[in-house]
Amino acid sequence: MPDHSNTTPPPTLSRREFLLFTGASLLLAACGDGLHGRRPRVGLALGGGGAKGLAHIPMLEALDEFGIRPHRVAGTSIGAIIGALYAGGLSGTRVRALVEQFLVDRSESDRKLFALPRSLRWLDFIDPALASGGLLDSSDFIAFLGEAITARRFRDLEIPLKVVAAELWSGAPVVLDSGPLLSAVQASMAVPGVFPPVERDGLKLVDGGVANPLPFDLLSGECDLVIAIDVSGDHQPEDGEELSSMGAVFHSFQIMSQNILAEKLRYRQPDIYIKPDLMNVRMLEFYKAHEVFDGALPAKQRLTRALRNVRGLSKPRPGCSPAAK
């Protein structure tokens, strides 16, 4: 297994990625003996990152272009949101359309973090909730999400989904994969201090980025090939840049999640690791959606090259069954 101590891949195919993808190709040769004549079962892990998580969508489109439907999906925070939409039956293109219907250009005259853009109707659903343990209330957004997903319980999804949250007091990871779906997603996106904790099964749950920002490890025992999409991005401070108090909370949370993931990758790696080159996109800057989509294109190309290296995945031989839903 190649060295993954450097967890920020360059935008082009590195030697590390080449070795990783080649290894995956050898492991998952077309309908090899170890797969008993079937197509490899693909696991897809979608990480947290706020608005940067929109970069998951081009990766879903890459899978769709190959005719790949994952066997399992695991998601944290925005990855849980996108994962629920995808596991609920929406294609990558349909998820993109769902996002884009709420986005137009934001006025250049007002870029304060909490002056949410008028165009961003899905964040207009987020209301102040100072008395309930957080600054924002995501209930209306979750209701909107419920209109986009017909599934109400995990068992109703087309693809089995694991949603990662964290227990508030201990910080221990909590994996939700049964029971009500929407409350699980709401818990997974509950950034501490920003959104109120979600009570479920006697626990107070917060954003899964506290414990497992990119949950590829939850899929390895059930899938032949695990793809992990890291949308944590990077930030290069501009001259004279200052953060508001809440901006500091957001940034600190993201740095914490990045450090947790970096340590995890030192000891365990997915078969295919993709990190889109996303620079200076803050957690709630969803108005930068098209910038995120464009920035994710090189990563989509890397994923496409990786998938091509896994023989028997994109073009199964006669007699090979497609990946299960």
C-alpha atoms as a PDB file:
ATOM      1  CA  MET A   1       0.000   0.000   0.000  1.00  0.00           C
ATOM      2  CA  PRO A   2       1.459   3.383  -0.971  1.00  0.00           C
ATOM      3  CA  ASP A   3       2.355   6.012   1.605  1.00  0.00           C
ATOM      4  CA  HIS A   4      -0.603   8.271   2.459  1.00  0.00           C
ATOM      5  CA  SER A   5       1.091  10.458   5.036  1.00  0.00           C
ATOM      6  CA  ASN A   6       0.578  13.388   2.682  1.00  0.00           C
ATOM      7  CA  THR A   7      -3.202  13.699   2.606  1.00  0.00           C
ATOM      8  CA  THR A   8      -3.484  16.545   0.090  1.00  0.00           C
ATOM      9  CA  PRO A   9      -3.129  15.128  -3.449  1.00  0.00           C
ATOM     10  CA  PRO A  10      -2.171  17.532  -6.232  1.00  0.00           C
ATOM     11  CA  PRO A  11      -4.732  18.236  -8.950  1.00  0.00           C
ATOM     12  CA  THR A  12      -2.935  15.894 -11.385  1.00  0.00           C
ATOM     13  CA  LEU A  13      -2.450  12.161 -11.080  1.00  0.00           C
ATOM     14  CA  SER A  14       0.443  11.723  -8.652  1.00  0.00           C
ATOM     15  CA  ARG A  15       2.763   8.736  -8.371  1.00  0.00           C
ATOM     16  CA  ARG A  16       0.946   7.834  -5.150  1.00  0.00           C
ATOM     17  CA  GLU A  17      -2.433   7.858  -6.908  1.00  0.00           C
ATOM     18  CA  PHE A  18      -1.030   5.890  -9.845  1.00  0.00           C
ATOM     19  CA  LEU A  19       0.265   3.172  -7.546  1.00  0.00           C
ATOM     20  CA  LEU A  20      -2.985   3.170  -5.599  1.00  0.00           C
ATOM     21  CA  PHE A  21      -5.147   2.873  -8.702  1.00  0.00           C
ATOM     22  CA  THR A  22      -2.883   0.207 -10.207  1.00  0.00           C
ATOM     23  CA  GLY A  23      -3.123  -1.779  -6.999  1.00  0.00           C
ATOM     24  CA  ALA A  24      -6.894  -1.535  -7.087  1.00  0.00           C
ATOM     25  CA  SER A  25      -6.864  -2.711 -10.688  1.00  0.00           C
ATOM     26  CA  LEU A  26      -4.823  -5.792  -9.848  1.00  0.00           C
ATOM     27  CA  LEU A  27      -6.973  -6.533  -6.832  1.00  0.00           C
ATOM     28  CA  LEU A  28     -10.238  -6.195  -8.706  1.00  0.00           C
ATOM     29  CA  ALA A  29      -9.413  -7.673 -12.104  1.00  0.00           C
ATOM     30  CA  ALA A  30     -12.388  -8.279 -14.314  1.00  0.00           C
ATOM     31  CA  CYS A  31     -14.661 -10.892 -12.743  1.00  0.00           C
ATOM     32  CA  GLY A  32     -11.648 -12.562 -11.168  1.00  0.00           C
ATOM     33  CA  ASP A  33     -11.780 -15.701  -9.098  1.00  0.00           C
ATOM     34  CA  GLY A  34     -12.084 -13.740  -5.875  1.00  0.00           C
ATOM     35  CA  LEU A  35     -15.253 -12.025  -7.123  1.00  0.00           C
ATOM     36  CA  HIS A  36     -16.868 -15.253  -8.342  1.00  0.00           C
ATOM     37  CA  GLY A  37     -17.876 -13.831 -11.724  1.00  0.00           C
ATOM     38  CA  ARG A  38     -19.640 -10.741 -10.431  1.00  0.00           C
ATOM     39  CA  ARG A  39     -18.963  -7.066 -10.780  1.00  0.00           C
ATOM     40  CA  PRO A  40     -17.033  -5.502  -7.864  1.00  0.00           C
ATOM     41  CA  ARG A  41     -19.191  -4.119  -5.089  1.00  0.00           C
ATOM     42  CA  VAL A  42     -18.411  -0.410  -4.792  1.00  0.00           C
ATOM     43  CA  GLY A  43     -18.574   1.492  -1.522  1.00  0.00           C
ATOM     44  CA  LEU A  44     -18.794   5.296  -1.643  1.00  0.00           C
ATOM     45  CA  ALA A  45     -17.792   7.496   1.310  1.00  0.00           C
ATOM     46  CA  LEU A  46     -18.768  11.180   1.219  1.00  0.00           C
ATOM     47  CA  GLY A  47     -17.077  13.524   3.670  1.00  0.00           C
ATOM     48  CA  GLY A  48     -18.081  16.709   5.445  1.00  0.00           C
ATOM     49  CA  GLY A  49     -17.132  20.224   4.401  1.00  0.00           C
ATOM     50  CA  GLY A  50     -20.153  22.528   4.263  1.00  0.00           C
ATOM     51  CA  ALA A  51     -20.521  24.265   0.909  1.00  0.00           C
ATOM     52  CA  LYS A  52     -17.417  22.466  -0.351  1.00  0.00           C
ATOM     53  CA  GLY A  53     -19.493  19.298  -0.161  1.00  0.00           C
ATOM     54  CA  LEU A  54     -21.202  20.316  -3.390  1.00  0.00           C
ATOM     55  CA  ALA A  55     -18.050  18.905  -4.997  1.00  0.00           C
ATOM     56  CA  HIS A  56     -19.508  15.467  -4.265  1.00  0.00           C
ATOM     57  CA  ILE A  57     -21.989  16.012  -7.079  1.00  0.00           C
ATOM     58  CA  PRO A  58     -19.513  15.836 -10.011  1.00  0.00           C
ATOM     59  CA  MET A  59     -18.144  12.632  -8.461  1.00  0.00           C
ATOM     60  CA  LEU A  60     -21.642  11.128  -8.472  1.00  0.00           C
ATOM     61  CA  GLU A  61     -21.956  12.168 -12.101  1.00  0.00           C
ATOM     62  CA  ALA A  62     -18.697  10.338 -12.863  1.00  0.00           C
ATOM     63  CA  LEU A  63     -20.114   7.157 -11.335  1.00  0.00           C
ATOM     64  CA  ASP A  64     -23.318   7.606 -13.318  1.00  0.00           C
ATOM     65  CA  GLU A  65     -21.338   7.999 -16.534  1.00  0.00           C
ATOM     66  CA  PHE A  66     -19.732   4.614 -15.855  1.00  0.00           C
ATOM     67  CA  GLY A  67     -23.070   3.029 -15.062  1.00  0.00           C
ATOM     68  CA  ILE A  68     -21.902   2.370 -11.506  1.00  0.00           C
ATOM     69  CA  ARG A  69     -24.450   2.246  -8.715  1.00  0.00           C
ATOM     70  CA  PRO A  70     -22.722   1.848  -5.347  1.00  0.00           C
ATOM     71  CA  HIS A  71     -23.377  -1.180  -3.191  1.00  0.00           C
ATOM     72  CA  ARG A  72     -23.147   0.920  -0.018  1.00  0.00           C
ATOM     73  CA  VAL A  73     -22.864   4.644   0.782  1.00  0.00           C
ATOM     74  CA  ALA A  74     -21.582   6.282   3.971  1.00  0.00           C
ATOM     75  CA  GLY A  75     -21.724  10.018   4.644  1.00  0.00           C
ATOM     76  CA  THR A  76     -20.885  12.656   7.223  1.00  0.00           C
ATOM     77  CA  SER A  77     -22.542  16.104   7.437  1.00  0.00           C
ATOM     78  CA  ILE A  78     -22.982  17.482   3.884  1.00  0.00           C
ATOM     79  CA  GLY A  79     -21.879  14.018   2.756  1.00  0.00           C
ATOM     80  CA  ALA A  80     -24.861  12.576   4.608  1.00  0.00           C
ATOM     81  CA  ILE A  81     -27.176  15.040   2.853  1.00  0.00           C
ATOM     82  CA  ILE A  82     -25.814  14.290  -0.628  1.00  0.00           C
ATOM     83  CA  GLY A  83     -25.614  10.606   0.237  1.00  0.00           C
ATOM     84  CA  ALA A  84     -29.265  10.481   1.295  1.00  0.00           C
ATOM     85  CA  LEU A  85     -30.351  12.113  -1.968  1.00  0.00           C
ATOM     86  CA  TYR A  86     -28.241   9.691  -4.010  1.00  0.00           C
ATOM     87  CA  ALA A  87     -29.182   6.598  -2.016  1.00  0.00           C
ATOM     88  CA  GLY A  88     -32.804   7.706  -2.296  1.00  0.00           C
ATOM     89  CA  GLY A  89     -32.676   7.273  -6.060  1.00  0.00           C
ATOM     90  CA  LEU A  90     -31.546  10.640  -7.445  1.00  0.00           C
ATOM     91  CA  SER A  91     -28.804  10.596 -10.063  1.00  0.00           C
ATOM     92  CA  GLY A  92     -25.865  12.966  -9.809  1.00  0.00           C
ATOM     93  CA  THR A  93     -27.430  15.132 -12.498  1.00  0.00           C
ATOM     94  CA  ARG A  94     -30.709  15.329 -10.593  1.00  0.00           C
ATOM     95  CA  VAL A  95     -28.915  16.259  -7.387  1.00  0.00           C
ATOM     96  CA  ARG A  96     -27.109  19.042  -9.269  1.00  0.00           C
ATOM     97  CA  ALA A  97     -30.417  20.298 -10.691  1.00  0.00           C
ATOM     98  CA  LEU A  98     -31.934  20.306  -7.214  1.00  0.00           C
ATOM     99  CA  VAL A  99     -29.115  22.537  -5.999  1.00  0.00           C
ATOM    100  CA  GLU A 100     -28.963  24.817  -9.016  1.00  0.00           C
ATOM    101  CA  GLN A 101     -32.641  25.728  -8.940  1.00  0.00           C
ATOM    102  CA  PHE A 102     -31.913  27.748  -5.805  1.00  0.00           C
ATOM    103  CA  LEU A 103     -28.761  29.489  -7.000  1.00  0.00           C
ATOM    104  CA  VAL A 104     -28.233  32.730  -8.893  1.00  0.00           C
ATOM    105  CA  ASP A 105     -25.391  35.220  -8.640  1.00  0.00           C
ATOM    106  CA  ARG A 106     -24.913  36.774  -5.254  1.00  0.00           C
ATOM    107  CA  SER A 107     -24.656  40.570  -4.977  1.00  0.00           C
ATOM    108  CA  GLU A 108     -21.026  41.674  -4.815  1.00  0.00           C
ATOM    109  CA  SER A 109     -21.963  44.386  -2.343  1.00  0.00           C
ATOM    110  CA  ASP A 110     -22.636  42.147   0.649  1.00  0.00           C
ATOM    111  CA  ARG A 111     -20.404  39.203   1.546  1.00  0.00           C
ATOM    112  CA  LYS A 112     -20.763  38.963   5.306  1.00  0.00           C
ATOM    113  CA  LEU A 113     -20.957  35.416   6.585  1.00  0.00           C
ATOM    114  CA  PHE A 114     -24.403  35.759   8.130  1.00  0.00           C
ATOM    115  CA  ALA A 115     -25.878  37.962   5.408  1.00  0.00           C
ATOM    116  CA  LEU A 116     -27.089  34.846   3.636  1.00  0.00           C
ATOM    117  CA  PRO A 117     -27.724  35.450  -0.079  1.00  0.00           C
ATOM    118  CA  ARG A 118     -31.318  36.022  -1.128  1.00  0.00           C
ATOM    119  CA  SER A 119     -30.713  33.599  -3.979  1.00  0.00           C
ATOM    120  CA  LEU A 120     -29.892  30.791  -1.575  1.00  0.00           C
ATOM    121  CA  ARG A 121     -33.470  29.808  -0.795  1.00  0.00           C
ATOM    122  CA  TRP A 122     -32.533  26.505   0.827  1.00  0.00           C
ATOM    123  CA  LEU A 123     -30.490  28.380   3.452  1.00  0.00           C
ATOM    124  CA  ASP A 124     -33.348  30.836   3.912  1.00  0.00           C
ATOM    125  CA  PHE A 125     -34.906  27.855   5.696  1.00  0.00           C
ATOM    126  CA  ILE A 126     -32.294  28.217   8.462  1.00  0.00           C
ATOM    127  CA  ASP A 127     -33.589  30.477  11.250  1.00  0.00           C
ATOM    128  CA  PRO A 128     -32.009  31.883  14.439  1.00  0.00           C
ATOM    129  CA  ALA A 129     -32.390  29.528  17.408  1.00  0.00           C
ATOM    130  CA  LEU A 130     -30.260  31.057  20.140  1.00  0.00           C
ATOM    131  CA  ALA A 131     -32.314  29.506  22.935  1.00  0.00           C
ATOM    132  CA  SER A 132     -31.968  25.912  21.803  1.00  0.00           C
ATOM    133  CA  GLY A 133     -28.226  25.321  21.995  1.00  0.00           C
ATOM    134  CA  GLY A 134     -27.194  26.695  18.630  1.00  0.00           C
ATOM    135  CA  LEU A 135     -27.280  29.820  16.496  1.00  0.00           C
ATOM    136  CA  LEU A 136     -29.250  28.345  13.617  1.00  0.00           C
ATOM    137  CA  ASP A 137     -32.213  25.985  13.288  1.00  0.00           C
ATOM    138  CA  SER A 138     -32.095  23.467  10.437  1.00  0.00           C
ATOM    139  CA  SER A 139     -35.647  22.140  10.847  1.00  0.00           C
ATOM    140  CA  ASP A 140     -37.086  23.887   7.789  1.00  0.00           C
ATOM    141  CA  PHE A 141     -34.172  22.759   5.648  1.00  0.00           C
ATOM    142  CA  ILE A 142     -34.719  19.179   6.793  1.00  0.00           C
ATOM    143  CA  ALA A 143     -38.399  19.531   5.888  1.00  0.00           C
ATOM    144  CA  PHE A 144     -37.358  20.701   2.427  1.00  0.00           C
ATOM    145  CA  LEU A 145     -34.999  17.741   2.143  1.00  0.00           C
ATOM    146  CA  GLY A 146     -37.938  15.508   2.997  1.00  0.00           C
ATOM    147  CA  GLU A 147     -39.777  16.863  -0.032  1.00  0.00           C
ATOM    148  CA  ALA A 148     -36.857  15.871  -2.275  1.00  0.00           C
ATOM    149  CA  ILE A 149     -36.496  12.347  -0.830  1.00  0.00           C
ATOM    150  CA  THR A 150     -39.438   9.971  -0.850  1.00  0.00           C
ATOM    151  CA  ALA A 151     -37.759   7.665   1.678  1.00  0.00           C
ATOM    152  CA  ARG A 152     -38.691   8.279   5.294  1.00  0.00           C
ATOM    153  CA  ARG A 153     -36.733   5.420   6.838  1.00  0.00           C
ATOM    154  CA  PHE A 154     -33.375   3.918   5.989  1.00  0.00           C
ATOM    155  CA  ARG A 155     -35.057   0.736   4.783  1.00  0.00           C
ATOM    156  CA  ASP A 156     -36.869   2.760   2.083  1.00  0.00           C
ATOM    157  CA  LEU A 157     -33.628   3.809   0.374  1.00  0.00           C
ATOM    158  CA  GLU A 158     -32.501   2.226  -2.896  1.00  0.00           C
ATOM    159  CA  ILE A 159     -28.908   1.938  -1.606  1.00  0.00           C
ATOM    160  CA  PRO A 160     -28.044   1.066   2.007  1.00  0.00           C
ATOM    161  CA  LEU A 161     -26.743   4.199   3.725  1.00  0.00           C
ATOM    162  CA  LYS A 162     -24.679   4.781   6.864  1.00  0.00           C
ATOM    163  CA  VAL A 163     -24.932   8.257   8.389  1.00  0.00           C
ATOM    164  CA  VAL A 164     -22.289   9.365  10.871  1.00  0.00           C
ATOM    165  CA  ALA A 165     -23.003  11.619  13.847  1.00  0.00           C
ATOM    166  CA  ALA A 166     -21.183  12.070  17.174  1.00  0.00           C
ATOM    167  CA  GLU A 167     -22.394  11.811  20.749  1.00  0.00           C
ATOM    168  CA  LEU A 168     -22.213  15.276  22.271  1.00  0.00           C
ATOM    169  CA  TRP A 169     -20.698  14.462  25.670  1.00  0.00           C
ATOM    170  CA  SER A 170     -18.139  11.843  24.707  1.00  0.00           C
ATOM    171  CA  GLY A 171     -17.497  12.726  21.060  1.00  0.00           C
ATOM    172  CA  ALA A 172     -17.845   9.040  20.218  1.00  0.00           C
ATOM    173  CA  PRO A 173     -18.965   8.254  16.656  1.00  0.00           C
ATOM    174  CA  VAL A 174     -22.559   7.101  16.238  1.00  0.00           C
ATOM    175  CA  VAL A 175     -23.430   5.250  13.034  1.00  0.00           C
ATOM    176  CA  LEU A 176     -27.077   5.521  12.039  1.00  0.00           C
ATOM    177  CA  ASP A 177     -28.334   3.057   9.431  1.00  0.00           C
ATOM    178  CA  SER A 178     -31.859   2.163  10.523  1.00  0.00           C
ATOM    179  CA  GLY A 179     -34.992   3.916  11.684  1.00  0.00           C
ATOM    180  CA  PRO A 180     -35.994   7.462  10.657  1.00  0.00           C
ATOM    181  CA  LEU A 181     -33.782   8.925   7.940  1.00  0.00           C
ATOM    182  CA  LEU A 182     -34.216  12.690   8.185  1.00  0.00           C
ATOM    183  CA  SER A 183     -33.418  13.030  11.873  1.00  0.00           C
ATOM    184  CA  ALA A 184     -30.215  11.068  11.236  1.00  0.00           C
ATOM    185  CA  VAL A 185     -29.185  13.499   8.504  1.00  0.00           C
ATOM    186  CA  GLN A 186     -30.099  16.458  10.728  1.00  0.00           C
ATOM    187  CA  ALA A 187     -27.879  15.061  13.495  1.00  0.00           C
ATOM    188  CA  SER A 188     -24.987  14.467  11.110  1.00  0.00           C
ATOM    189  CA  MET A 189     -24.980  18.129  10.018  1.00  0.00           C
ATOM    190  CA  ALA A 190     -25.406  19.649  13.509  1.00  0.00           C
ATOM    191  CA  VAL A 191     -22.134  21.598  13.771  1.00  0.00           C
ATOM    192  CA  PRO A 192     -21.584  22.214  17.507  1.00  0.00           C
ATOM    193  CA  GLY A 193     -22.388  25.768  18.538  1.00  0.00           C
ATOM    194  CA  VAL A 194     -24.033  26.466  15.190  1.00  0.00           C
ATOM    195  CA  PHE A 195     -26.909  23.980  15.043  1.00  0.00           C
ATOM    196  CA  PRO A 196     -28.625  22.515  18.111  1.00  0.00           C
ATOM    197  CA  PRO A 197     -27.844  18.900  18.997  1.00  0.00           C
ATOM    198  CA  VAL A 198     -30.407  16.376  17.793  1.00  0.00           C
ATOM    199  CA  GLU A 199     -31.912  13.990  20.345  1.00  0.00           C
ATOM    200  CA  ARG A 200     -32.268  10.449  19.052  1.00  0.00           C
ATOM    201  CA  ASP A 201     -32.393   7.097  20.815  1.00  0.00           C
ATOM    202  CA  GLY A 202     -31.658   8.787  24.127  1.00  0.00           C
ATOM    203  CA  LEU A 203     -28.508  10.470  22.834  1.00  0.00           C
ATOM    204  CA  LYS A 204     -27.659  14.077  22.030  1.00  0.00           C
ATOM    205  CA  LEU A 205     -26.011  13.985  18.617  1.00  0.00           C
ATOM    206  CA  VAL A 206     -23.879  16.528  16.763  1.00  0.00           C
ATOM    207  CA  ASP A 207     -22.028  16.738  13.451  1.00  0.00           C
ATOM    208  CA  GLY A 208     -20.172  13.566  12.525  1.00  0.00           C
ATOM    209  CA  GLY A 209     -17.104  15.615  11.632  1.00  0.00           C
ATOM    210  CA  VAL A 210     -16.350  15.646  15.360  1.00  0.00           C
ATOM    211  CA  ALA A 211     -15.529  11.931  15.194  1.00  0.00           C
ATOM    212  CA  ASN A 212     -15.321  10.614  11.607  1.00  0.00           C
ATOM    213  CA  PRO A 213     -15.189  13.272   8.871  1.00  0.00           C
ATOM    214  CA  LEU A 214     -14.789  10.756   6.004  1.00  0.00           C
ATOM    215  CA  PRO A 215     -16.284   7.367   6.962  1.00  0.00           C
ATOM    216  CA  PHE A 216     -14.680   5.088   4.383  1.00  0.00           C
ATOM    217  CA  ASP A 217     -13.736   2.645   7.144  1.00  0.00           C
ATOM    218  CA  LEU A 218     -17.424   1.742   7.575  1.00  0.00           C
ATOM    219  CA  LEU A 219     -17.530   0.216   4.093  1.00  0.00           C
ATOM    220  CA  SER A 220     -14.395  -1.878   3.780  1.00  0.00           C
ATOM    221  CA  GLY A 221     -15.886  -5.067   5.176  1.00  0.00           C
ATOM    222  CA  GLU A 222     -18.924  -4.968   2.905  1.00  0.00           C
ATOM    223  CA  CYS A 223     -17.444  -3.774  -0.397  1.00  0.00           C
ATOM    224  CA  ASP A 224     -14.716  -4.880  -2.784  1.00  0.00           C
ATOM    225  CA  LEU A 225     -13.655  -1.342  -3.704  1.00  0.00           C
ATOM    226  CA  VAL A 226     -14.060   1.722  -1.478  1.00  0.00           C
ATOM    227  CA  ILE A 227     -14.016   5.221  -2.974  1.00  0.00           C
ATOM    228  CA  ALA A 228     -13.580   8.127  -0.538  1.00  0.00           C
ATOM    229  CA  ILE A 229     -14.269  11.746  -1.491  1.00  0.00           C
ATOM    230  CA  ASP A 230     -12.580  14.288   0.785  1.00  0.00           C
ATOM    231  CA  VAL A 231     -14.183  17.741   0.403  1.00  0.00           C
ATOM    232  CA  SER A 232     -12.432  19.412   3.338  1.00  0.00           C
ATOM    233  CA  GLY A 233     -10.653  21.788   0.959  1.00  0.00           C
ATOM    234  CA  ASP A 234      -7.918  24.242   1.910  1.00  0.00           C
ATOM    235  CA  HIS A 235      -7.706  27.850   2.994  1.00  0.00           C
ATOM    236  CA  GLN A 236      -4.994  30.387   2.236  1.00  0.00           C
ATOM    237  CA  PRO A 237      -5.565  33.590   4.240  1.00  0.00           C
ATOM    238  CA  GLU A 238      -5.698  36.708   2.140  1.00  0.00           C
ATOM    239  CA  ASP A 239      -3.824  39.844   3.149  1.00  0.00           C
ATOM    240  CA  GLY A 240      -5.689  41.585   5.946  1.00  0.00           C
ATOM    241  CA  GLU A 241      -8.306  38.827   6.185  1.00  0.00           C
ATOM    242  CA  GLU A 242     -10.170  38.696   9.478  1.00  0.00           C
ATOM    243  CA  LEU A 243     -12.774  36.236  10.683  1.00  0.00           C
ATOM    244  CA  SER A 244     -15.944  37.039  12.549  1.00  0.00           C
ATOM    245  CA  SER A 245     -16.552  35.160  15.790  1.00  0.00           C
ATOM    246  CA  MET A 246     -18.744  32.657  13.980  1.00  0.00           C
ATOM    247  CA  GLY A 247     -16.318  32.503  11.088  1.00  0.00           C
ATOM    248  CA  ALA A 248     -13.670  31.462  13.605  1.00  0.00           C
ATOM    249  CA  VAL A 249     -16.000  28.741  14.942  1.00  0.00           C
ATOM    250  CA  PHE A 250     -16.581  27.384  11.429  1.00  0.00           C
ATOM    251  CA  HIS A 251     -12.900  27.491  10.528  1.00  0.00           C
ATOM    252  CA  SER A 252     -11.801  25.885  13.799  1.00  0.00           C
ATOM    253  CA  PHE A 253     -14.292  23.065  13.307  1.00  0.00           C
ATOM    254  CA  GLN A 254     -13.031  22.416   9.799  1.00  0.00           C
ATOM    255  CA  ILE A 255      -9.395  22.394  10.947  1.00  0.00           C
ATOM    256  CA  MET A 256     -10.302  19.927  13.692  1.00  0.00           C
ATOM    257  CA  SER A 257     -12.012  17.629  11.171  1.00  0.00           C
ATOM    258  CA  GLN A 258      -9.053  17.849   8.797  1.00  0.00           C
ATOM    259  CA  ASN A 259      -6.656  16.890  11.589  1.00  0.00           C
ATOM    260  CA  ILE A 260      -8.811  13.905  12.563  1.00  0.00           C
ATOM    261  CA  LEU A 261      -8.863  12.718   8.952  1.00  0.00           C
ATOM    262  CA  ALA A 262      -5.128  13.246   8.460  1.00  0.00           C
ATOM    263  CA  GLU A 263      -4.393  11.074  11.491  1.00  0.00           C
ATOM    264  CA  LYS A 264      -6.838   8.418  10.292  1.00  0.00           C
ATOM    265  CA  LEU A 265      -5.214   8.273   6.859  1.00  0.00           C
ATOM    266  CA  ARG A 266      -1.837   7.578   8.449  1.00  0.00           C
ATOM    267  CA  TYR A 267      -3.088   4.163   9.515  1.00  0.00           C
ATOM    268  CA  ARG A 268      -5.857   3.270   7.090  1.00  0.00           C
ATOM    269  CA  GLN A 269      -6.613   4.215   3.499  1.00  0.00           C
ATOM    270  CA  PRO A 270      -9.483   3.676   1.058  1.00  0.00           C
ATOM    271  CA  ASP A 271      -8.844   1.995  -2.275  1.00  0.00           C
ATOM    272  CA  ILE A 272      -9.435   5.248  -4.159  1.00  0.00           C
ATOM    273  CA  TYR A 273      -8.986   8.596  -2.389  1.00  0.00           C
ATOM    274  CA  ILE A 274     -10.063  11.774  -4.173  1.00  0.00           C
ATOM    275  CA  LYS A 275      -9.654  15.274  -2.772  1.00  0.00           C
ATOM    276  CA  PRO A 276     -10.982  18.088  -4.998  1.00  0.00           C
ATOM    277  CA  ASP A 277      -8.784  21.183  -5.068  1.00  0.00           C
ATOM    278  CA  LEU A 278     -11.111  23.620  -3.290  1.00  0.00           C
ATOM    279  CA  MET A 279      -9.527  26.813  -2.000  1.00  0.00           C
ATOM    280  CA  ASN A 280     -11.059  29.473   0.266  1.00  0.00           C
ATOM    281  CA  VAL A 281     -14.655  28.267   0.278  1.00  0.00           C
ATOM    282  CA  ARG A 282     -16.234  28.736   3.702  1.00  0.00           C
ATOM    283  CA  MET A 283     -18.817  26.481   5.264  1.00  0.00           C
ATOM    284  CA  LEU A 284     -21.941  28.464   4.367  1.00  0.00           C
ATOM    285  CA  GLU A 285     -20.785  29.939   1.070  1.00  0.00           C
ATOM    286  CA  PHE A 286     -23.203  27.897  -1.003  1.00  0.00           C
ATOM    287  CA  TYR A 287     -23.471  30.806  -3.420  1.00  0.00           C
ATOM    288  CA  LYS A 288     -20.062  29.618  -4.669  1.00  0.00           C
ATOM    289  CA  ALA A 289     -21.660  26.441  -6.009  1.00  0.00           C
ATOM    290  CA  HIS A 290     -20.536  26.953  -9.602  1.00  0.00           C
ATOM    291  CA  GLU A 291     -17.019  27.786  -8.420  1.00  0.00           C
ATOM    292  CA  VAL A 292     -17.036  24.534  -6.440  1.00  0.00           C
ATOM    293  CA  PHE A 293     -18.347  22.564  -9.422  1.00  0.00           C
ATOM    294  CA  ASP A 294     -15.617  23.996 -11.667  1.00  0.00           C
ATOM    295  CA  GLY A 295     -12.936  23.406  -9.058  1.00  0.00           C
ATOM    296  CA  ALA A 296     -14.005  19.773  -8.749  1.00  0.00           C
ATOM    297  CA  LEU A 297     -13.555  18.971 -12.452  1.00  0.00           C
ATOM    298  CA  PRO A 298      -9.871  17.894 -12.192  1.00  0.00           C
ATOM    299  CA  ALA A 299     -10.841  15.617  -9.297  1.00  0.00           C
ATOM    300  CA  LYS A 300     -13.648  14.158 -11.385  1.00  0.00           C
ATOM    301  CA  GLN A 301     -11.082  13.422 -14.098  1.00  0.00           C
ATOM    302  CA  ARG A 302      -8.845  11.687 -11.550  1.00  0.00           C
ATOM    303  CA  LEU A 303     -11.761   9.574 -10.404  1.00  0.00           C
ATOM    304  CA  THR A 304     -12.598   8.718 -14.009  1.00  0.00           C
ATOM    305  CA  ARG A 305      -9.010   7.564 -14.619  1.00  0.00           C
ATOM    306  CA  ALA A 306      -9.102   5.504 -11.447  1.00  0.00           C
ATOM    307  CA  LEU A 307     -12.348   3.805 -12.452  1.00  0.00           C
ATOM    308  CA  ARG A 308     -10.945   2.979 -15.870  1.00  0.00           C
ATOM    309  CA  ASN A 309      -8.045   1.210 -14.154  1.00  0.00           C
ATOM    310  CA  VAL A 310     -10.423  -1.123 -12.346  1.00  0.00           C
ATOM    311  CA  ARG A 311     -11.108  -3.632 -15.082  1.00  0.00           C
ATOM    312  CA  GLY A 312     -14.495  -5.280 -14.965  1.00  0.00           C
ATOM    313  CA  LEU A 313     -16.025  -2.292 -13.157  1.00  0.00           C
ATOM    314  CA  SER A 314     -17.113   0.016 -15.947  1.00  0.00           C
ATOM    315  CA  LYS A 315     -17.436  -2.624 -18.665  1.00  0.00           C
ATOM    316  CA  PRO A 316     -18.337  -5.981 -17.116  1.00  0.00           C
ATOM    317  CA  ARG A 317     -17.713  -9.097 -19.175  1.00  0.00           C
ATOM    318  CA  PRO A 318     -20.704 -11.123 -20.349  1.00  0.00           C
ATOM    319  CA  GLY A 319     -22.225 -12.982 -17.461  1.00  0.00           C
ATOM    320  CA  CYS A 320     -21.087 -10.479 -14.810  1.00  0.00           C
ATOM    321  CA  SER A 321     -23.910  -8.965 -12.812  1.00  0.00           C
ATOM    322  CA  PRO A 322     -23.967  -5.237 -12.013  1.00  0.00           C
ATOM    323  CA  ALA A 323     -23.193  -3.969  -8.513  1.00  0.00           C
ATOM    324  CA  ALA A 324     -26.109  -4.527  -6.205  1.00  0.00           C
ATOM    325  CA  LYS A 325     -28.255  -1.651  -5.049  1.00  0.00           C
END
